[in-house]
N, C-alpha and C. Protein backbone atom coordinates (compact mmCIF):
# COMPACT_ATOMS: atom_id res chain seq x y z
N MET A 1 -186.71 205.51 66.49
CA MET A 1 -185.70 206.29 67.02
C MET A 1 -186.09 207.78 67.00
N CYS A 2 -185.49 208.58 67.92
CA CYS A 2 -185.71 209.89 68.00
C CYS A 2 -184.84 210.69 67.07
N HIS A 3 -185.38 211.34 66.04
CA HIS A 3 -184.62 212.17 65.15
C HIS A 3 -185.18 213.60 64.91
N ARG A 4 -185.91 213.99 65.83
CA ARG A 4 -186.43 215.38 65.76
C ARG A 4 -186.95 215.81 67.12
N VAL A 5 -186.48 217.00 67.56
CA VAL A 5 -186.90 217.53 68.86
C VAL A 5 -187.16 219.04 68.64
N THR A 6 -187.92 219.62 69.59
CA THR A 6 -188.05 221.06 69.58
C THR A 6 -187.22 221.60 70.71
N PRO A 7 -186.15 222.29 70.39
CA PRO A 7 -185.13 222.70 71.47
C PRO A 7 -185.54 223.95 72.07
N LEU A 8 -184.66 224.49 72.93
CA LEU A 8 -184.77 225.86 73.53
C LEU A 8 -183.69 226.71 72.85
N MET A 9 -183.56 227.93 73.26
CA MET A 9 -182.47 228.81 72.75
C MET A 9 -181.48 228.90 73.91
N LEU A 10 -180.25 229.16 73.52
CA LEU A 10 -179.07 229.22 74.47
C LEU A 10 -179.35 230.16 75.55
N PRO A 11 -179.82 231.42 75.31
CA PRO A 11 -180.08 232.34 76.42
C PRO A 11 -181.08 231.82 77.37
N ASP A 12 -182.03 231.00 77.00
CA ASP A 12 -183.00 230.38 77.95
C ASP A 12 -182.25 229.53 78.97
N LEU A 13 -181.29 228.68 78.48
CA LEU A 13 -180.48 227.77 79.40
C LEU A 13 -179.61 228.60 80.30
N GLU A 14 -178.98 229.65 79.76
CA GLU A 14 -178.12 230.48 80.59
C GLU A 14 -178.87 231.19 81.65
N GLU A 15 -180.14 231.69 81.37
CA GLU A 15 -180.97 232.27 82.40
C GLU A 15 -181.38 231.24 83.48
N ALA A 16 -181.73 230.07 83.06
CA ALA A 16 -182.02 228.96 83.99
C ALA A 16 -180.80 228.73 84.96
N LEU A 17 -179.60 228.71 84.42
CA LEU A 17 -178.47 228.53 85.29
C LEU A 17 -178.23 229.68 86.21
N ASP A 18 -178.57 230.91 85.79
CA ASP A 18 -178.44 232.03 86.71
C ASP A 18 -179.45 231.83 87.81
N ASN A 19 -180.65 231.36 87.48
CA ASN A 19 -181.65 231.14 88.55
C ASN A 19 -181.20 230.05 89.51
N LEU A 20 -180.42 229.09 88.97
CA LEU A 20 -179.92 228.03 89.84
C LEU A 20 -178.95 228.58 90.88
N LYS A 21 -178.10 229.48 90.42
CA LYS A 21 -177.09 230.12 91.36
C LYS A 21 -177.73 231.03 92.36
N THR A 22 -178.79 231.64 92.09
CA THR A 22 -179.42 232.61 92.99
C THR A 22 -180.54 232.00 93.84
N THR A 23 -181.22 231.02 93.35
CA THR A 23 -182.37 230.46 94.07
C THR A 23 -182.15 228.95 94.48
N GLY A 24 -181.16 228.30 93.84
CA GLY A 24 -181.01 226.84 94.13
C GLY A 24 -181.80 225.94 93.23
N ARG A 25 -182.57 226.60 92.33
CA ARG A 25 -183.43 225.84 91.41
C ARG A 25 -183.28 226.31 89.96
N ALA A 26 -183.03 225.47 89.02
CA ALA A 26 -182.84 225.87 87.66
C ALA A 26 -184.12 226.08 86.97
N ARG A 27 -184.81 227.12 87.38
CA ARG A 27 -186.07 227.42 86.75
C ARG A 27 -185.87 228.03 85.37
N MET A 28 -186.66 227.56 84.40
CA MET A 28 -186.64 228.01 83.03
C MET A 28 -187.40 229.42 83.05
N PRO A 29 -186.92 230.39 82.26
CA PRO A 29 -187.64 231.60 82.13
C PRO A 29 -189.09 231.38 81.72
N ARG A 30 -189.98 232.30 82.12
CA ARG A 30 -191.41 232.09 81.78
C ARG A 30 -191.71 232.01 80.32
N HIS A 31 -190.91 232.71 79.46
CA HIS A 31 -191.20 232.76 78.10
C HIS A 31 -190.57 231.51 77.37
N ALA A 32 -189.81 230.69 78.08
CA ALA A 32 -189.15 229.60 77.39
C ALA A 32 -190.22 228.63 76.89
N GLY A 33 -190.10 228.22 75.63
CA GLY A 33 -191.04 227.31 75.04
C GLY A 33 -192.08 228.07 74.29
N ASN A 34 -192.13 229.34 74.39
CA ASN A 34 -193.16 230.11 73.66
C ASN A 34 -192.70 230.73 72.43
N GLU A 35 -191.37 230.68 72.13
CA GLU A 35 -190.83 231.23 70.96
C GLU A 35 -190.89 230.24 69.74
N ASP A 36 -190.83 230.83 68.59
CA ASP A 36 -190.86 229.97 67.39
C ASP A 36 -189.44 229.49 67.05
N VAL A 37 -188.97 228.54 67.78
CA VAL A 37 -187.68 227.95 67.62
C VAL A 37 -187.77 226.74 66.66
N PRO A 38 -186.92 226.82 65.58
CA PRO A 38 -187.01 225.71 64.67
C PRO A 38 -186.66 224.32 65.29
N ASP A 39 -187.34 223.32 64.81
CA ASP A 39 -187.01 221.97 65.28
C ASP A 39 -185.56 221.58 64.96
N ALA A 40 -184.96 220.77 65.79
CA ALA A 40 -183.57 220.31 65.57
C ALA A 40 -183.56 218.82 65.05
N TYR A 41 -182.63 218.53 64.14
CA TYR A 41 -182.49 217.25 63.61
C TYR A 41 -181.02 216.85 63.75
N PRO A 42 -180.68 215.50 63.48
CA PRO A 42 -179.35 215.10 63.52
C PRO A 42 -178.38 215.93 62.61
N GLY A 43 -177.31 216.31 63.12
CA GLY A 43 -176.38 217.17 62.34
C GLY A 43 -176.53 218.65 62.62
N THR A 44 -177.56 219.11 63.30
CA THR A 44 -177.71 220.43 63.73
C THR A 44 -177.22 220.65 65.14
N GLN A 45 -176.95 221.92 65.50
CA GLN A 45 -176.55 222.28 66.82
C GLN A 45 -177.70 222.68 67.66
N MET A 46 -177.63 222.35 69.01
CA MET A 46 -178.66 222.81 69.88
C MET A 46 -178.05 222.96 71.28
N PRO A 47 -178.60 223.75 72.13
CA PRO A 47 -178.01 224.03 73.51
C PRO A 47 -178.33 222.89 74.46
N LEU A 48 -177.43 222.46 75.22
CA LEU A 48 -177.45 221.43 76.21
C LEU A 48 -176.95 221.87 77.56
N PHE A 49 -177.32 221.21 78.65
CA PHE A 49 -176.71 221.37 80.02
C PHE A 49 -175.56 220.30 80.03
N VAL A 50 -174.37 220.81 80.24
CA VAL A 50 -173.25 219.85 80.36
C VAL A 50 -172.50 220.19 81.62
N PRO A 51 -172.14 219.15 82.46
CA PRO A 51 -171.33 219.41 83.67
C PRO A 51 -169.89 219.79 83.27
N ASN A 52 -169.28 220.75 83.91
CA ASN A 52 -167.92 221.13 83.74
C ASN A 52 -166.99 220.28 84.66
N LYS A 53 -165.69 220.58 84.70
CA LYS A 53 -164.76 219.80 85.50
C LYS A 53 -165.11 219.94 86.96
N GLN A 54 -165.71 220.94 87.37
CA GLN A 54 -166.08 221.18 88.78
C GLN A 54 -167.44 220.58 89.13
N GLY A 55 -168.13 219.92 88.15
CA GLY A 55 -169.42 219.32 88.36
C GLY A 55 -170.62 220.26 88.26
N GLU A 56 -170.32 221.53 87.88
CA GLU A 56 -171.33 222.54 87.75
C GLU A 56 -171.91 222.47 86.30
N LEU A 57 -173.13 222.69 86.11
CA LEU A 57 -173.77 222.72 84.82
C LEU A 57 -173.40 224.01 83.99
N GLU A 58 -173.07 223.76 82.73
CA GLU A 58 -172.83 224.90 81.82
C GLU A 58 -173.81 224.72 80.58
N ALA A 59 -174.15 225.80 79.97
CA ALA A 59 -174.95 225.78 78.75
C ALA A 59 -173.99 225.76 77.53
N ARG A 60 -174.05 224.75 76.67
CA ARG A 60 -173.13 224.65 75.64
C ARG A 60 -173.85 224.27 74.36
N MET A 61 -173.48 224.71 73.20
CA MET A 61 -174.00 224.36 71.91
C MET A 61 -173.21 223.18 71.35
N LEU A 62 -173.85 222.02 71.19
CA LEU A 62 -173.28 220.80 70.72
C LEU A 62 -173.97 220.42 69.42
N THR A 63 -173.30 219.59 68.58
CA THR A 63 -173.87 219.10 67.44
C THR A 63 -174.45 217.66 67.68
N TRP A 64 -175.69 217.48 67.19
CA TRP A 64 -176.40 216.25 67.43
C TRP A 64 -175.88 215.15 66.46
N GLY A 65 -175.26 214.19 67.01
CA GLY A 65 -174.84 212.98 66.24
C GLY A 65 -173.30 212.77 66.33
N PHE A 66 -172.98 211.48 66.65
CA PHE A 66 -171.56 211.07 66.67
C PHE A 66 -171.23 210.61 65.22
N GLN A 67 -169.95 210.81 64.87
CA GLN A 67 -169.45 210.24 63.65
C GLN A 67 -168.72 208.87 63.97
N GLN A 68 -169.25 207.80 63.42
CA GLN A 68 -168.66 206.54 63.59
C GLN A 68 -167.21 206.38 63.11
N PRO A 69 -166.29 205.89 63.82
CA PRO A 69 -164.91 205.69 63.38
C PRO A 69 -164.92 204.84 62.09
N GLY A 70 -164.22 205.39 61.08
CA GLY A 70 -164.15 204.64 59.83
C GLY A 70 -165.38 204.73 58.93
N GLY A 71 -166.42 205.42 59.42
CA GLY A 71 -167.65 205.42 58.69
C GLY A 71 -167.72 206.73 57.82
N SER A 72 -168.76 206.87 57.04
CA SER A 72 -168.87 208.00 56.22
C SER A 72 -169.16 209.27 57.03
N ALA A 73 -168.50 210.36 56.72
CA ALA A 73 -168.62 211.64 57.49
C ALA A 73 -170.08 212.16 57.51
N SER A 74 -170.84 211.74 56.49
CA SER A 74 -172.34 212.16 56.44
C SER A 74 -173.19 211.30 57.29
N LYS A 75 -172.69 210.10 57.72
CA LYS A 75 -173.61 209.16 58.38
C LYS A 75 -173.35 209.37 59.98
N LEU A 76 -174.40 209.86 60.65
CA LEU A 76 -174.32 210.10 62.06
C LEU A 76 -175.00 209.11 62.88
N VAL A 77 -174.51 208.79 64.03
CA VAL A 77 -175.17 207.97 65.02
C VAL A 77 -175.73 208.90 66.08
N PHE A 78 -177.05 209.15 66.05
CA PHE A 78 -177.63 210.13 66.87
C PHE A 78 -178.45 209.66 68.01
N ASN A 79 -178.65 208.41 68.12
CA ASN A 79 -179.34 207.74 69.35
C ASN A 79 -178.45 206.72 69.91
N THR A 80 -178.56 206.58 71.23
CA THR A 80 -177.71 205.57 71.95
C THR A 80 -178.58 204.68 72.80
N ARG A 81 -178.61 203.37 72.44
CA ARG A 81 -179.46 202.49 73.31
C ARG A 81 -178.76 202.39 74.68
N ILE A 82 -179.55 202.62 75.67
CA ILE A 82 -178.97 202.57 77.13
C ILE A 82 -178.49 201.08 77.35
N GLU A 83 -179.13 200.06 76.78
CA GLU A 83 -178.61 198.71 77.02
C GLU A 83 -177.30 198.55 76.42
N THR A 84 -177.05 199.02 75.23
CA THR A 84 -175.69 198.84 74.47
C THR A 84 -174.67 199.66 75.26
N ALA A 85 -175.06 200.89 75.66
CA ALA A 85 -174.06 201.72 76.34
C ALA A 85 -173.62 201.16 77.65
N LEU A 86 -174.57 200.52 78.45
CA LEU A 86 -174.13 199.88 79.67
C LEU A 86 -173.31 198.63 79.45
N GLN A 87 -173.53 197.92 78.35
CA GLN A 87 -172.73 196.75 78.07
C GLN A 87 -171.30 197.16 77.68
N GLN A 88 -171.22 198.28 76.89
CA GLN A 88 -169.89 198.80 76.55
C GLN A 88 -169.15 199.32 77.71
N ALA A 89 -169.89 199.93 78.65
CA ALA A 89 -169.20 200.50 79.87
C ALA A 89 -168.60 199.28 80.60
N GLN A 90 -169.22 198.17 80.66
CA GLN A 90 -168.71 197.01 81.40
C GLN A 90 -167.56 196.42 80.68
N SER A 91 -167.59 196.38 79.32
CA SER A 91 -166.51 195.74 78.50
C SER A 91 -165.33 196.67 78.36
N GLY A 92 -165.54 197.98 78.51
CA GLY A 92 -164.44 198.90 78.28
C GLY A 92 -164.10 199.26 76.87
N ARG A 93 -165.06 198.96 75.99
CA ARG A 93 -164.76 199.25 74.58
C ARG A 93 -166.11 199.51 73.87
N GLY A 94 -165.99 200.13 72.73
CA GLY A 94 -167.14 200.53 71.97
C GLY A 94 -167.34 202.02 71.87
N LEU A 95 -168.19 202.51 70.99
CA LEU A 95 -168.37 203.91 70.69
C LEU A 95 -168.90 204.62 71.96
N TRP A 96 -169.71 203.95 72.81
CA TRP A 96 -170.41 204.62 73.90
C TRP A 96 -169.75 204.44 75.27
N HIS A 97 -168.71 203.56 75.36
CA HIS A 97 -168.18 203.19 76.72
C HIS A 97 -167.62 204.37 77.49
N GLN A 98 -166.92 205.31 76.80
CA GLN A 98 -166.43 206.46 77.52
C GLN A 98 -167.51 207.54 77.79
N PRO A 99 -168.31 207.94 76.74
CA PRO A 99 -169.34 208.92 76.97
C PRO A 99 -170.40 208.59 78.02
N ILE A 100 -170.76 207.22 78.10
CA ILE A 100 -171.80 206.94 79.13
C ILE A 100 -171.20 206.97 80.66
N LEU A 101 -169.91 206.73 80.61
CA LEU A 101 -169.26 206.78 82.03
C LEU A 101 -168.91 208.24 82.45
N ALA A 102 -168.43 209.05 81.42
CA ALA A 102 -167.94 210.33 81.78
C ALA A 102 -168.54 211.53 81.03
N GLY A 103 -169.48 211.27 80.17
CA GLY A 103 -170.06 212.33 79.31
C GLY A 103 -171.54 212.46 79.35
N ARG A 104 -172.14 212.16 80.48
CA ARG A 104 -173.62 212.27 80.57
C ARG A 104 -174.06 213.70 80.64
N CYS A 105 -175.12 214.07 79.88
CA CYS A 105 -175.57 215.45 79.85
C CYS A 105 -177.05 215.53 79.80
N LEU A 106 -177.58 216.77 79.75
CA LEU A 106 -179.05 216.95 79.83
C LEU A 106 -179.50 217.67 78.54
N VAL A 107 -180.54 217.22 77.89
CA VAL A 107 -181.03 217.77 76.67
C VAL A 107 -182.38 218.37 76.93
N PRO A 108 -182.48 219.68 77.13
CA PRO A 108 -183.77 220.37 77.34
C PRO A 108 -184.55 220.50 76.02
N VAL A 109 -185.85 220.08 76.01
CA VAL A 109 -186.69 220.20 74.88
C VAL A 109 -188.08 220.59 75.23
N ARG A 110 -188.84 221.04 74.32
CA ARG A 110 -190.27 221.31 74.47
C ARG A 110 -191.06 220.16 74.03
N ARG A 111 -190.57 219.35 73.01
CA ARG A 111 -191.20 218.07 72.73
C ARG A 111 -190.17 217.27 71.92
N PHE A 112 -190.39 215.94 71.78
CA PHE A 112 -189.76 215.15 70.88
C PHE A 112 -190.72 214.45 70.01
N TYR A 113 -190.22 213.94 68.85
CA TYR A 113 -191.13 213.33 67.88
C TYR A 113 -190.67 211.83 67.64
N GLU A 114 -191.62 211.03 67.39
CA GLU A 114 -191.40 209.58 66.91
C GLU A 114 -192.22 209.40 65.65
N SER A 115 -191.72 208.56 64.76
CA SER A 115 -192.48 208.18 63.58
C SER A 115 -193.33 206.96 63.98
N TRP A 116 -194.52 206.94 63.47
CA TRP A 116 -195.46 205.84 63.78
C TRP A 116 -194.97 204.66 62.96
N THR A 117 -194.29 203.67 63.56
CA THR A 117 -193.76 202.60 62.79
C THR A 117 -194.50 201.23 63.06
N ARG A 118 -195.45 201.25 63.96
CA ARG A 118 -196.34 200.14 64.24
C ARG A 118 -197.34 199.99 63.10
N GLU A 119 -198.38 199.20 63.32
CA GLU A 119 -199.39 198.97 62.33
C GLU A 119 -200.19 200.29 62.09
N PRO A 120 -200.98 200.31 60.98
CA PRO A 120 -201.85 201.48 60.74
C PRO A 120 -202.89 201.59 61.91
N PRO A 121 -203.59 202.71 62.13
CA PRO A 121 -204.02 203.55 61.07
C PRO A 121 -203.16 204.70 60.68
N ARG A 122 -202.14 205.09 61.41
CA ARG A 122 -201.31 206.30 61.07
C ARG A 122 -199.85 206.00 60.79
N ARG A 123 -199.62 204.78 60.23
CA ARG A 123 -198.21 204.40 59.92
C ARG A 123 -197.44 205.48 59.18
N GLY A 124 -196.33 205.83 59.64
CA GLY A 124 -195.50 206.81 58.98
C GLY A 124 -195.70 208.24 59.53
N ALA A 125 -196.73 208.48 60.22
CA ALA A 125 -197.07 209.84 60.74
C ALA A 125 -196.00 210.22 61.89
N GLN A 126 -195.71 211.50 61.99
CA GLN A 126 -194.89 211.99 63.07
C GLN A 126 -195.84 212.31 64.30
N VAL A 127 -195.34 211.88 65.39
CA VAL A 127 -196.16 212.11 66.62
C VAL A 127 -195.23 212.85 67.61
N GLY A 128 -195.81 214.04 68.08
CA GLY A 128 -195.05 214.80 68.99
C GLY A 128 -195.43 214.39 70.45
N PHE A 129 -194.46 214.34 71.38
CA PHE A 129 -194.67 213.98 72.76
C PHE A 129 -194.22 215.09 73.68
N THR A 130 -195.03 215.39 74.66
CA THR A 130 -194.74 216.43 75.65
C THR A 130 -194.94 215.73 77.04
N LEU A 131 -194.42 216.44 78.06
CA LEU A 131 -194.57 215.95 79.42
C LEU A 131 -195.68 216.87 80.08
N PRO A 132 -196.79 216.23 80.51
CA PRO A 132 -197.88 216.99 81.02
C PRO A 132 -197.46 217.98 82.15
N HIS A 133 -197.99 219.27 82.05
CA HIS A 133 -197.88 220.30 82.99
C HIS A 133 -196.35 220.84 83.00
N HIS A 134 -195.66 220.48 81.96
CA HIS A 134 -194.24 221.06 81.93
C HIS A 134 -194.02 221.53 80.45
N ALA A 135 -193.81 222.86 80.29
CA ALA A 135 -193.49 223.41 78.95
C ALA A 135 -192.16 222.96 78.47
N VAL A 136 -191.25 222.65 79.42
CA VAL A 136 -189.95 222.20 79.05
C VAL A 136 -189.60 221.00 79.88
N PHE A 137 -188.89 220.00 79.34
CA PHE A 137 -188.52 218.84 80.09
C PHE A 137 -187.13 218.41 79.50
N LEU A 138 -186.55 217.40 80.26
CA LEU A 138 -185.22 217.00 79.92
C LEU A 138 -185.13 215.54 79.39
N LEU A 139 -184.28 215.38 78.38
CA LEU A 139 -183.96 214.04 77.89
C LEU A 139 -182.53 213.72 78.31
N ALA A 140 -182.25 212.47 78.56
CA ALA A 140 -180.90 212.03 78.89
C ALA A 140 -180.06 212.02 77.67
N GLY A 141 -178.86 212.51 77.73
CA GLY A 141 -177.90 212.52 76.63
C GLY A 141 -176.55 212.21 77.11
N ILE A 142 -175.65 211.88 76.09
CA ILE A 142 -174.23 211.64 76.31
C ILE A 142 -173.52 212.48 75.29
N TYR A 143 -172.31 212.91 75.58
CA TYR A 143 -171.57 213.70 74.70
C TYR A 143 -170.06 213.42 74.77
N GLU A 144 -169.35 213.79 73.72
CA GLU A 144 -167.91 213.66 73.66
C GLU A 144 -167.37 214.76 72.75
N ASP A 145 -166.44 215.56 73.20
CA ASP A 145 -166.00 216.68 72.40
C ASP A 145 -167.11 217.61 72.14
N GLU A 146 -167.47 217.86 70.88
CA GLU A 146 -168.49 218.80 70.56
C GLU A 146 -169.75 218.08 69.91
N ARG A 147 -169.94 216.83 70.21
CA ARG A 147 -171.05 216.09 69.71
C ARG A 147 -171.81 215.28 70.83
N PHE A 148 -173.11 215.11 70.56
CA PHE A 148 -173.91 214.49 71.56
C PHE A 148 -174.85 213.51 70.94
N SER A 149 -175.43 212.63 71.68
CA SER A 149 -176.44 211.65 71.27
C SER A 149 -177.55 211.55 72.26
N ILE A 150 -178.70 211.35 71.87
CA ILE A 150 -179.88 211.22 72.84
C ILE A 150 -179.99 209.73 73.17
N VAL A 151 -180.05 209.49 74.42
CA VAL A 151 -180.16 208.07 75.01
C VAL A 151 -181.65 207.53 74.83
N THR A 152 -181.71 206.34 74.37
CA THR A 152 -183.08 205.75 74.17
C THR A 152 -183.19 204.52 75.02
N THR A 153 -184.46 204.16 75.26
CA THR A 153 -184.74 202.93 76.10
C THR A 153 -186.03 202.25 75.61
N THR A 154 -186.49 201.19 76.24
CA THR A 154 -187.71 200.56 75.78
C THR A 154 -188.87 201.52 76.05
N PRO A 155 -189.88 201.46 75.14
CA PRO A 155 -190.92 202.44 75.31
C PRO A 155 -191.90 202.18 76.48
N ASN A 156 -192.48 203.15 76.97
CA ASN A 156 -193.48 203.08 78.09
C ASN A 156 -194.87 202.91 77.35
N ALA A 157 -195.88 202.80 78.21
CA ALA A 157 -197.21 202.59 77.62
C ALA A 157 -197.76 203.64 76.71
N ASP A 158 -197.23 204.87 76.78
CA ASP A 158 -197.63 205.90 75.93
C ASP A 158 -196.99 205.85 74.46
N VAL A 159 -195.78 205.38 74.42
CA VAL A 159 -195.05 205.30 73.17
C VAL A 159 -195.09 203.93 72.47
N ALA A 160 -195.21 202.89 73.30
CA ALA A 160 -195.21 201.46 72.69
C ALA A 160 -196.21 201.20 71.59
N PRO A 161 -197.40 201.83 71.65
CA PRO A 161 -198.38 201.52 70.53
C PRO A 161 -197.84 201.91 69.14
N LEU A 162 -196.97 202.88 69.07
CA LEU A 162 -196.47 203.36 67.76
C LEU A 162 -195.03 203.13 67.52
N HIS A 163 -194.09 202.87 68.48
CA HIS A 163 -192.74 202.82 68.15
C HIS A 163 -192.04 201.86 69.22
N SER A 164 -190.91 201.23 68.79
CA SER A 164 -190.21 200.25 69.57
C SER A 164 -189.21 200.84 70.53
N ARG A 165 -188.92 202.18 70.48
CA ARG A 165 -187.96 202.86 71.33
C ARG A 165 -188.52 204.24 71.70
N MET A 166 -187.91 204.77 72.74
CA MET A 166 -188.22 206.13 73.12
C MET A 166 -187.03 206.80 73.76
N PRO A 167 -186.92 208.15 73.69
CA PRO A 167 -185.86 208.78 74.44
C PRO A 167 -186.01 208.49 75.97
N LEU A 168 -184.90 208.54 76.64
CA LEU A 168 -184.93 208.40 78.07
C LEU A 168 -185.32 209.73 78.71
N VAL A 169 -186.64 209.90 78.89
CA VAL A 169 -187.24 211.10 79.40
C VAL A 169 -187.02 211.18 80.93
N LEU A 170 -186.47 212.33 81.34
CA LEU A 170 -186.22 212.42 82.88
C LEU A 170 -187.45 213.16 83.50
N ALA A 171 -187.95 212.52 84.56
CA ALA A 171 -188.96 213.20 85.30
C ALA A 171 -188.39 214.28 86.20
N PRO A 172 -189.16 215.18 86.71
CA PRO A 172 -188.66 216.23 87.57
C PRO A 172 -187.93 215.58 88.77
N GLY A 173 -186.69 216.12 89.01
CA GLY A 173 -185.93 215.58 90.14
C GLY A 173 -184.98 214.45 89.75
N GLU A 174 -185.07 213.94 88.55
CA GLU A 174 -184.18 212.84 88.10
C GLU A 174 -182.89 213.24 87.41
N SER A 175 -182.70 214.57 87.06
CA SER A 175 -181.50 215.01 86.45
C SER A 175 -180.23 214.72 87.20
N SER A 176 -180.30 214.88 88.50
CA SER A 176 -179.08 214.65 89.28
C SER A 176 -178.77 213.25 89.33
N MET A 177 -179.74 212.36 89.24
CA MET A 177 -179.50 210.92 89.18
C MET A 177 -178.89 210.52 87.90
N TRP A 178 -179.32 211.11 86.77
CA TRP A 178 -178.69 210.80 85.50
C TRP A 178 -177.25 211.16 85.43
N LEU A 179 -176.91 212.35 86.14
CA LEU A 179 -175.55 212.77 86.15
C LEU A 179 -174.71 212.13 87.25
N GLY A 180 -175.40 211.30 88.07
CA GLY A 180 -174.65 210.72 89.20
C GLY A 180 -174.28 209.21 88.88
N PRO A 181 -173.80 208.55 89.97
CA PRO A 181 -173.27 207.13 89.75
C PRO A 181 -174.41 206.10 89.54
N ASP A 182 -175.64 206.43 89.92
CA ASP A 182 -176.74 205.43 89.85
C ASP A 182 -177.61 205.63 88.62
N PHE A 183 -177.08 206.18 87.53
CA PHE A 183 -177.81 206.50 86.33
C PHE A 183 -178.49 205.31 85.72
N ALA A 184 -177.92 204.11 85.85
CA ALA A 184 -178.49 202.95 85.17
C ALA A 184 -179.82 202.65 85.71
N ARG A 185 -180.17 203.06 86.90
CA ARG A 185 -181.54 202.83 87.48
C ARG A 185 -182.63 203.51 86.73
N LEU A 186 -182.28 204.44 85.84
CA LEU A 186 -183.29 205.18 85.11
C LEU A 186 -183.71 204.49 83.84
N ALA A 187 -183.22 203.36 83.53
CA ALA A 187 -183.52 202.74 82.20
C ALA A 187 -184.98 202.57 82.00
N SER A 188 -185.76 202.20 83.00
CA SER A 188 -187.20 202.05 82.82
C SER A 188 -187.90 203.30 82.95
N ARG A 189 -188.78 203.58 81.95
CA ARG A 189 -189.61 204.85 81.94
C ARG A 189 -191.03 204.47 82.13
N ASP A 190 -191.37 203.38 82.74
CA ASP A 190 -192.76 202.98 82.90
C ASP A 190 -193.56 203.87 83.69
N HIS A 191 -192.97 204.71 84.62
CA HIS A 191 -193.71 205.59 85.50
C HIS A 191 -193.99 206.92 84.81
N ILE A 192 -193.36 207.13 83.67
CA ILE A 192 -193.53 208.49 83.05
C ILE A 192 -194.79 208.46 82.17
N ARG A 193 -195.57 209.47 82.31
CA ARG A 193 -196.74 209.71 81.44
C ARG A 193 -196.47 210.81 80.47
N LEU A 194 -196.81 210.64 79.22
CA LEU A 194 -196.53 211.57 78.12
C LEU A 194 -197.82 211.86 77.44
N CYS A 195 -197.90 213.03 76.84
CA CYS A 195 -199.03 213.39 75.99
C CYS A 195 -198.60 213.33 74.54
N ALA A 196 -199.40 212.56 73.75
CA ALA A 196 -199.06 212.37 72.32
C ALA A 196 -200.02 213.19 71.44
N MET A 197 -199.42 213.86 70.42
CA MET A 197 -200.23 214.54 69.44
C MET A 197 -199.74 214.28 68.04
N PRO A 198 -200.44 213.47 67.24
CA PRO A 198 -200.06 213.17 65.85
C PRO A 198 -200.01 214.49 65.12
N GLU A 199 -199.01 214.69 64.32
CA GLU A 199 -198.84 215.85 63.47
C GLU A 199 -199.98 215.96 62.41
N GLY A 200 -200.55 217.11 62.42
CA GLY A 200 -201.66 217.32 61.50
C GLY A 200 -203.02 216.89 62.05
N ALA A 201 -203.06 216.37 63.28
CA ALA A 201 -204.40 215.91 63.87
C ALA A 201 -205.19 217.09 64.25
């Protein structure tokens, strides 16, 4: 499960949205991804792209992790299986049924990390993943009120050797599909290529 990412700063997202208004493309500022921004973990806040009531993207600070009804306040649910969310959307009940239908958002990151949970040689190591040729890329997210969760799916060929899940990484041009009615088509990430770098390697 994804429990660590390298986020951007809120001004970077706001500048990208300004670029979207003036040029039609949400280009990240050239310096984005070059600053020493602390990694984010469940329970911390980070900036996201969230659609407003008019369908336009806004940059908002949200807290990573949903609180389960009736659960401990300290126990957060910070990943959402796309398969479970789609089932709940059909049944009309469950923690994810409303956010997956009406609360999809975009999580900009420089990298995400997975723990090596498969067999040795590096079992337990943290592995950082980036999208080749992109200093910043987007993960699929869902939110409700002031909290969000990162959507996960079955791993592609780059992640499968070390972990059984991966974030739903959006390729360039797929953000509008995630925010649109055909979002379920994005469940497979087999076409995505990622660069892996074990921490400390």
